[in-house]
Amino acid sequence: MELETGIKFYPNFKRAFDYIRGIDTYSATPLETLDSGLGFPVRIKNESGRMGLGSFKALGGPYAAAQLILQKWQMEKGEELPSHRLHDPDVRAFSAEQTFMTASAGNHGIGVAAGAKALGAKAVIILSETVPTDFEARLAAFDAKVIRAGHNYEASVAAARNEAKYWNAILLSDGSWPGYTHIPKLVMEGYTVMAEELRQSFETSNQWPTHVFLQAGVGGLAAAITWMIRHNWRKQPEIIIVEPASAACLKESHRAGEMVTVTGPISDMGRLDCKAPSLVAWHVLEASDVKYLTITDKECIDAASVLSNFGFPTTSSGAASYAGVLKQIDNTSLDETSRPLVFVTERR
């Protein structure tokens, strides 16, 4: 169902914001202040309770699935539907004939599965051997079929691309590559809701951040937030993209001047352990004046422990941007005038 192949990202963030706000479980996730004794406050966008799914991925997969149903209906029926029609019996009967498939390191699969179930559609989720088994139980709660394939995330993506043809499924990936960009852009468009929530909060308080730390796997979250900051925020911060040292595909692509796949050991930051960048995300970041920072597994484990002690229980992946703050302090890049913003992207 690929509609176009362009790499430019011009999100319809108003459409995404309006759609997400119309979901019964929606509420803006909190922007909290952590007085961690660092000499300056750290603002935390806490995504661990997002819409009952436990991570920011609740914004991307469900939103993209809904938009794809609307687009497929229009292509086949010649009728443009308002989003509220998704709940009508005829549209749900149409959705019941659709299957969404994706590879996932965990949370994106849960988002796709939850989105599919809400629409009355089916979901098939491909997990690599490295994904913890508890994600299978969480996916089963949304009636998703789980297939184990591949020794790492990249191998599971390749499996999903092949299996989607066999299942006659819509491949709903959060990563992009040549010839496959439209659907990942919809996922990223869903993520822009976070940045718009933040912009509205900062417009009210006038407490704009001086630095924004964004963890990255393939780069969808980082690129979506970065695009919104550079295009829609009145005051511009320094943006730092934080990656695992063993999976710094965006940093190495930046250094090479072209997209590259990296190699390295499996990281404890499982949701960020991606060795190849998303095509669209990389192009957004390359045009957006960002800096790159790599962190070790130990640095993230320590950061997650600190956050948990302060009442933000999260994983190594969820704590990665805060680990970036701690590392920048060691590098004397932050001082008492700094107001960094970080993201707790998932619950523990």
Protein backbone atom coordinates (compact mmCIF):
# COMPACT_ATOMS: atom_id res chain seq x y z
CA MET A 1 0.00 0.00 0.00
CA GLU A 2 2.98 2.31 -0.58
CA LEU A 3 1.67 5.62 -1.92
CA GLU A 4 4.92 7.50 -2.53
CA THR A 5 8.64 7.10 -2.15
CA GLY A 6 9.83 10.62 -1.23
CA ILE A 7 12.10 11.06 1.75
CA LYS A 8 10.88 14.55 2.68
CA PHE A 9 8.94 14.68 5.94
CA TYR A 10 6.18 17.28 6.17
CA PRO A 11 3.89 15.88 8.88
CA ASN A 12 0.25 16.82 9.16
CA PHE A 13 0.70 17.22 12.91
CA LYS A 14 -2.66 18.92 13.34
CA ARG A 15 -4.40 15.86 11.87
CA ALA A 16 -2.41 13.62 14.21
CA PHE A 17 -3.12 15.78 17.25
CA ASP A 18 -6.84 15.98 16.48
CA TYR A 19 -7.11 12.23 15.93
CA ILE A 20 -5.14 11.22 19.03
CA ARG A 21 -7.06 13.65 21.26
CA GLY A 22 -10.28 12.00 20.11
CA ILE A 23 -9.28 8.61 21.56
CA ASP A 24 -11.02 7.83 24.86
CA THR A 25 -7.78 6.90 26.63
CA TYR A 26 -5.97 10.09 25.60
CA SER A 27 -4.51 12.59 28.00
CA ALA A 28 -1.34 14.59 27.61
CA THR A 29 1.54 12.83 29.34
CA PRO A 30 3.08 14.79 32.20
CA LEU A 31 6.01 17.16 31.91
CA GLU A 32 7.72 16.80 35.26
CA THR A 33 10.71 18.42 36.94
CA LEU A 34 13.47 16.33 38.47
CA ASP A 35 15.56 18.06 41.14
CA SER A 36 18.38 15.56 40.94
CA GLY A 37 21.11 17.57 42.61
CA LEU A 38 22.94 18.23 39.35
CA GLY A 39 22.94 22.00 39.79
CA PHE A 40 20.04 22.57 37.41
CA PRO A 41 16.54 21.13 36.99
CA VAL A 42 15.90 18.37 34.46
CA ARG A 43 12.51 18.39 32.76
CA ILE A 44 11.10 14.93 31.99
CA LYS A 45 8.46 14.16 29.39
CA ASN A 46 7.16 10.98 30.99
CA GLU A 47 5.71 8.62 28.36
CA SER A 48 5.54 5.59 30.66
CA GLY A 49 1.77 5.88 31.05
CA ARG A 50 0.84 6.87 27.51
CA MET A 51 -2.75 5.76 26.81
CA GLY A 52 -2.43 2.64 28.94
CA LEU A 53 0.21 1.06 26.68
CA GLY A 54 3.27 2.12 28.63
CA SER A 55 5.31 3.92 25.99
CA PHE A 56 5.30 6.64 23.34
CA LYS A 57 4.72 3.93 20.73
CA ALA A 58 1.03 4.20 21.63
CA LEU A 59 1.01 7.26 19.38
CA GLY A 60 2.64 5.88 16.23
CA GLY A 61 1.30 2.43 15.34
CA PRO A 62 -2.36 3.02 16.27
CA TYR A 63 -2.46 6.36 14.45
CA ALA A 64 -0.81 4.94 11.33
CA ALA A 65 -3.15 1.92 11.30
CA ALA A 66 -6.21 4.18 11.44
CA GLN A 67 -4.93 6.41 8.64
CA LEU A 68 -4.16 3.38 6.49
CA ILE A 69 -7.69 2.03 6.89
CA LEU A 70 -9.10 5.42 5.89
CA GLN A 71 -6.75 5.62 2.89
CA LYS A 72 -7.44 2.04 1.79
CA TRP A 73 -11.21 2.64 2.02
CA GLN A 74 -10.87 5.73 -0.16
CA MET A 75 -8.71 3.91 -2.72
CA GLU A 76 -11.13 0.97 -2.97
CA LYS A 77 -14.49 2.65 -2.38
CA GLY A 78 -13.85 6.10 -3.79
CA GLU A 79 -15.14 7.73 -0.62
CA GLU A 80 -13.23 9.95 1.78
CA LEU A 81 -14.14 9.04 5.34
CA PRO A 82 -14.00 11.19 8.47
CA SER A 83 -12.17 9.40 11.25
CA HIS A 84 -15.30 8.94 13.39
CA ARG A 85 -16.61 6.54 10.72
CA LEU A 86 -13.94 4.05 11.76
CA HIS A 87 -16.33 2.85 14.46
CA ASP A 88 -19.29 2.26 12.10
CA PRO A 89 -20.23 -1.37 11.33
CA ASP A 90 -19.50 -1.19 7.60
CA VAL A 91 -16.02 0.24 8.14
CA ARG A 92 -15.26 -2.22 10.94
CA ALA A 93 -16.31 -5.06 8.64
CA PHE A 94 -13.85 -3.65 6.09
CA SER A 95 -11.14 -3.40 8.76
CA ALA A 96 -11.75 -7.00 9.80
CA GLU A 97 -10.46 -8.05 6.38
CA GLN A 98 -7.14 -6.22 6.92
CA THR A 99 -4.01 -7.58 8.57
CA PHE A 100 -1.18 -5.40 9.81
CA MET A 101 2.30 -6.88 10.15
CA THR A 102 5.42 -5.45 11.68
CA ALA A 103 8.74 -6.41 13.17
CA SER A 104 9.29 -5.01 16.62
CA ALA A 105 11.71 -4.85 19.50
CA GLY A 106 8.64 -4.72 21.72
CA ASN A 107 6.69 -1.49 22.08
CA HIS A 108 6.00 -0.74 18.43
CA GLY A 109 4.47 -4.19 18.09
CA ILE A 110 2.22 -3.52 21.07
CA GLY A 111 1.15 -0.22 19.49
CA VAL A 112 0.33 -1.90 16.19
CA ALA A 113 -1.50 -4.75 17.90
CA ALA A 114 -3.53 -2.37 20.07
CA GLY A 115 -4.32 -0.17 17.09
CA ALA A 116 -5.42 -3.12 14.98
CA LYS A 117 -7.68 -4.49 17.72
CA ALA A 118 -9.30 -1.08 18.26
CA LEU A 119 -10.12 -0.95 14.55
CA GLY A 120 -11.34 -4.55 14.37
CA ALA A 121 -8.36 -5.56 12.21
CA LYS A 122 -5.80 -8.34 12.70
CA ALA A 123 -2.12 -8.04 13.65
CA VAL A 124 0.89 -10.28 13.13
CA ILE A 125 4.03 -9.25 15.03
CA ILE A 126 7.51 -10.56 14.21
CA LEU A 127 9.88 -10.67 17.18
CA SER A 128 13.56 -11.49 17.03
CA GLU A 129 15.17 -13.98 19.38
CA THR A 130 16.45 -11.13 21.58
CA VAL A 131 13.02 -9.70 22.51
CA PRO A 132 12.00 -10.65 26.07
CA THR A 133 9.26 -13.28 26.33
CA ASP A 134 6.99 -11.02 28.41
CA PHE A 135 6.23 -9.03 25.25
CA GLU A 136 4.57 -12.13 23.79
CA ALA A 137 2.07 -12.20 26.66
CA ARG A 138 1.37 -8.48 26.26
CA LEU A 139 0.80 -8.93 22.52
CA ALA A 140 -1.52 -11.87 23.13
CA ALA A 141 -3.72 -9.58 25.21
CA PHE A 142 -4.43 -7.68 21.99
CA ASP A 143 -5.17 -10.88 20.04
CA ALA A 144 -2.02 -10.51 17.95
CA LYS A 145 -0.31 -13.49 16.39
CA VAL A 146 3.38 -13.61 17.31
CA ILE A 147 6.10 -15.11 15.11
CA ARG A 148 9.71 -15.45 16.23
CA ALA A 149 12.16 -14.87 13.41
CA GLY A 150 15.75 -13.67 13.23
CA HIS A 151 18.61 -13.33 15.67
CA ASN A 152 18.35 -9.52 15.87
CA TYR A 153 16.01 -6.65 15.01
CA GLU A 154 17.31 -6.23 11.46
CA ALA A 155 16.72 -9.93 10.73
CA SER A 156 13.16 -9.68 12.07
CA VAL A 157 12.52 -6.68 9.78
CA ALA A 158 13.69 -8.72 6.80
CA ALA A 159 11.39 -11.55 7.89
CA ALA A 160 8.42 -9.18 8.20
CA ARG A 161 9.03 -7.80 4.70
CA ASN A 162 8.92 -11.32 3.31
CA GLU A 163 6.06 -12.61 5.47
CA ALA A 164 3.82 -9.62 4.70
CA LYS A 165 3.51 -10.85 1.10
CA TYR A 166 2.60 -14.36 2.27
CA TRP A 167 -0.05 -13.05 4.68
CA ASN A 168 -1.32 -10.44 2.22
CA ALA A 169 -0.72 -8.01 5.08
CA ILE A 170 -0.04 -4.30 5.28
CA LEU A 171 3.56 -3.89 6.45
CA LEU A 172 3.45 -1.25 9.19
CA SER A 173 7.09 -0.60 10.02
CA ASP A 174 8.46 2.29 12.04
CA GLY A 175 11.64 2.22 9.96
CA SER A 176 11.93 3.32 6.33
CA TRP A 177 14.06 2.39 3.32
CA PRO A 178 14.12 3.20 -0.40
CA GLY A 179 10.65 2.54 -1.81
CA TYR A 180 9.05 2.32 1.64
CA THR A 181 8.52 5.70 3.25
CA HIS A 182 4.84 6.64 3.32
CA ILE A 183 3.79 4.32 6.15
CA PRO A 184 6.76 5.07 8.44
CA LYS A 185 6.03 8.77 7.95
CA LEU A 186 2.54 8.16 9.32
CA VAL A 187 4.07 6.49 12.38
CA MET A 188 6.38 9.47 12.86
CA GLU A 189 3.44 11.81 12.35
CA GLY A 190 1.80 10.19 15.36
CA TYR A 191 4.92 10.88 17.44
CA THR A 192 4.66 14.62 16.70
CA VAL A 193 1.86 14.78 19.29
CA MET A 194 4.50 14.70 22.03
CA ALA A 195 6.27 17.75 20.64
CA GLU A 196 3.03 19.68 20.25
CA GLU A 197 2.05 18.91 23.84
CA LEU A 198 5.44 20.20 24.93
CA ARG A 199 5.25 23.33 22.77
CA GLN A 200 1.90 24.27 24.26
CA SER A 201 3.25 23.76 27.78
CA PHE A 202 6.36 25.86 27.14
CA GLU A 203 4.33 28.62 25.50
CA THR A 204 2.32 28.85 28.71
CA SER A 205 5.25 28.67 31.15
CA ASN A 206 7.90 30.35 28.95
CA GLN A 207 10.36 27.86 30.48
CA TRP A 208 11.85 26.67 27.21
CA PRO A 209 14.59 24.05 27.39
CA THR A 210 18.15 24.91 26.47
CA HIS A 211 18.94 21.31 25.50
CA VAL A 212 16.77 18.43 24.28
CA PHE A 213 18.14 14.90 24.60
CA LEU A 214 16.45 12.29 22.38
CA GLN A 215 17.18 8.58 22.43
CA ALA A 216 17.29 6.87 19.06
CA GLY A 217 17.02 3.39 17.60
CA VAL A 218 16.22 3.66 13.89
CA GLY A 219 15.49 7.33 14.59
CA GLY A 220 11.74 7.77 14.13
CA LEU A 221 11.06 9.36 17.52
CA ALA A 222 14.18 11.53 17.41
CA ALA A 223 13.44 12.79 13.91
CA ALA A 224 9.75 13.49 14.52
CA ILE A 225 10.46 15.54 17.67
CA THR A 226 13.41 17.27 16.02
CA TRP A 227 11.33 18.30 13.00
CA MET A 228 8.65 19.76 15.23
CA ILE A 229 11.19 21.66 17.35
CA ARG A 230 12.93 23.17 14.34
CA HIS A 231 9.70 24.12 12.57
CA ASN A 232 7.28 25.00 15.37
CA TRP A 233 9.06 25.96 18.59
CA ARG A 234 9.51 29.67 19.28
CA LYS A 235 12.81 29.20 21.13
CA GLN A 236 15.40 26.81 19.77
CA PRO A 237 17.41 24.43 21.97
CA GLU A 238 20.49 22.39 21.25
CA ILE A 239 19.37 18.90 20.21
CA ILE A 240 21.45 15.86 21.17
CA ILE A 241 20.68 12.44 19.70
CA VAL A 242 21.61 9.66 22.13
CA GLU A 243 22.43 6.15 20.82
CA PRO A 244 23.90 2.95 22.23
CA ALA A 245 27.65 2.76 21.66
CA SER A 246 27.12 -0.63 20.00
CA ALA A 247 24.34 0.61 17.68
CA ALA A 248 25.23 4.20 16.74
CA CYS A 249 23.86 3.90 13.21
CA LEU A 250 22.72 7.53 12.97
CA LYS A 251 25.99 8.97 14.24
CA GLU A 252 28.05 6.77 11.95
CA SER A 253 25.82 7.60 8.98
CA HIS A 254 26.31 11.29 9.75
CA ARG A 255 30.06 10.77 9.89
CA ALA A 256 30.06 8.84 6.61
CA GLY A 257 27.74 11.26 4.81
CA GLU A 258 25.53 8.37 3.79
CA MET A 259 23.39 5.72 5.45
CA VAL A 260 25.48 2.90 6.87
CA THR A 261 24.75 -0.25 8.83
CA VAL A 262 26.89 -0.75 11.91
CA THR A 263 27.95 -3.88 13.73
CA GLY A 264 28.31 -4.47 17.43
CA PRO A 265 27.28 -6.64 20.35
CA ILE A 266 23.69 -6.86 21.57
CA SER A 267 22.87 -3.90 23.79
CA ASP A 268 20.96 -3.92 27.06
CA MET A 269 19.04 -1.02 25.48
CA GLY A 270 16.92 -3.49 23.55
CA ARG A 271 14.47 -1.01 22.03
CA LEU A 272 17.39 1.11 20.78
CA ASP A 273 19.59 -1.75 19.57
CA CYS A 274 19.14 -0.99 15.86
CA LYS A 275 22.09 -1.27 13.53
CA ALA A 276 20.56 0.43 10.46
CA PRO A 277 18.89 3.86 10.41
CA SER A 278 15.50 4.79 9.02
CA LEU A 279 15.90 6.54 5.66
CA VAL A 280 13.38 9.31 6.40
CA ALA A 281 14.59 9.84 9.96
CA TRP A 282 18.22 10.14 8.92
CA HIS A 283 17.42 12.77 6.29
CA VAL A 284 15.40 14.79 8.81
CA LEU A 285 18.23 14.74 11.33
CA GLU A 286 20.88 15.60 8.75
CA ALA A 287 18.93 18.76 7.88
CA SER A 288 18.27 19.80 11.47
CA ASP A 289 21.55 20.81 13.15
CA VAL A 290 21.75 18.07 15.76
CA LYS A 291 24.62 16.59 17.71
CA TYR A 292 25.24 12.93 18.45
CA LEU A 293 26.22 11.21 21.68
CA THR A 294 26.85 7.54 22.39
CA ILE A 295 26.34 5.87 25.74
CA THR A 296 27.29 2.50 27.16
CA ASP A 297 24.98 -0.11 28.63
CA LYS A 298 26.38 0.59 32.10
CA GLU A 299 25.68 4.31 31.76
CA CYS A 300 22.07 3.55 30.86
CA ILE A 301 21.62 0.98 33.62
CA ASP A 302 22.93 3.53 36.12
CA ALA A 303 20.64 6.25 34.71
CA ALA A 304 17.62 3.94 34.93
CA SER A 305 18.48 3.21 38.56
CA VAL A 306 18.67 6.93 39.36
CA LEU A 307 15.35 7.63 37.66
CA SER A 308 13.69 4.72 39.45
CA ASN A 309 14.92 6.07 42.79
CA PHE A 310 13.30 9.41 41.92
CA GLY A 311 9.97 7.76 41.09
CA PHE A 312 10.38 7.19 37.35
CA PRO A 313 10.71 3.41 36.99
CA THR A 314 11.94 2.71 33.48
CA THR A 315 14.28 0.53 31.44
CA SER A 316 17.74 1.21 30.06
CA SER A 317 16.14 2.28 26.78
CA GLY A 318 13.69 4.54 28.58
CA ALA A 319 16.50 6.18 30.55
CA ALA A 320 18.86 6.71 27.62
CA SER A 321 18.27 10.44 27.18
CA TYR A 322 18.83 11.03 30.90
CA ALA A 323 22.03 9.02 30.62
CA GLY A 324 22.98 11.53 27.93
CA VAL A 325 22.51 14.39 30.40
CA LEU A 326 24.73 12.66 32.96
CA LYS A 327 27.41 12.08 30.34
CA GLN A 328 27.30 15.67 29.13
CA ILE A 329 27.86 16.84 32.70
CA ASP A 330 31.03 14.76 32.74
CA ASN A 331 32.03 16.48 29.51
CA THR A 332 31.25 19.92 31.09
CA SER A 333 28.71 20.73 28.35
CA LEU A 334 26.00 21.66 30.86
CA ASP A 335 26.09 24.24 33.65
CA GLU A 336 23.83 25.93 36.19
CA THR A 337 22.10 27.94 33.45
CA SER A 338 21.03 24.81 31.54
CA ARG A 339 17.46 23.55 31.38
CA PRO A 340 17.68 20.12 29.71
CA LEU A 341 14.63 18.15 28.56
CA VAL A 342 14.68 14.36 28.47
CA PHE A 343 12.18 11.64 27.62
CA VAL A 344 11.28 8.62 29.73
CA THR A 345 10.00 6.65 26.78
CA GLU A 346 8.68 3.50 28.47
CA ARG A 347 7.74 1.98 31.77
CA ARG A 348 9.77 -0.75 33.39
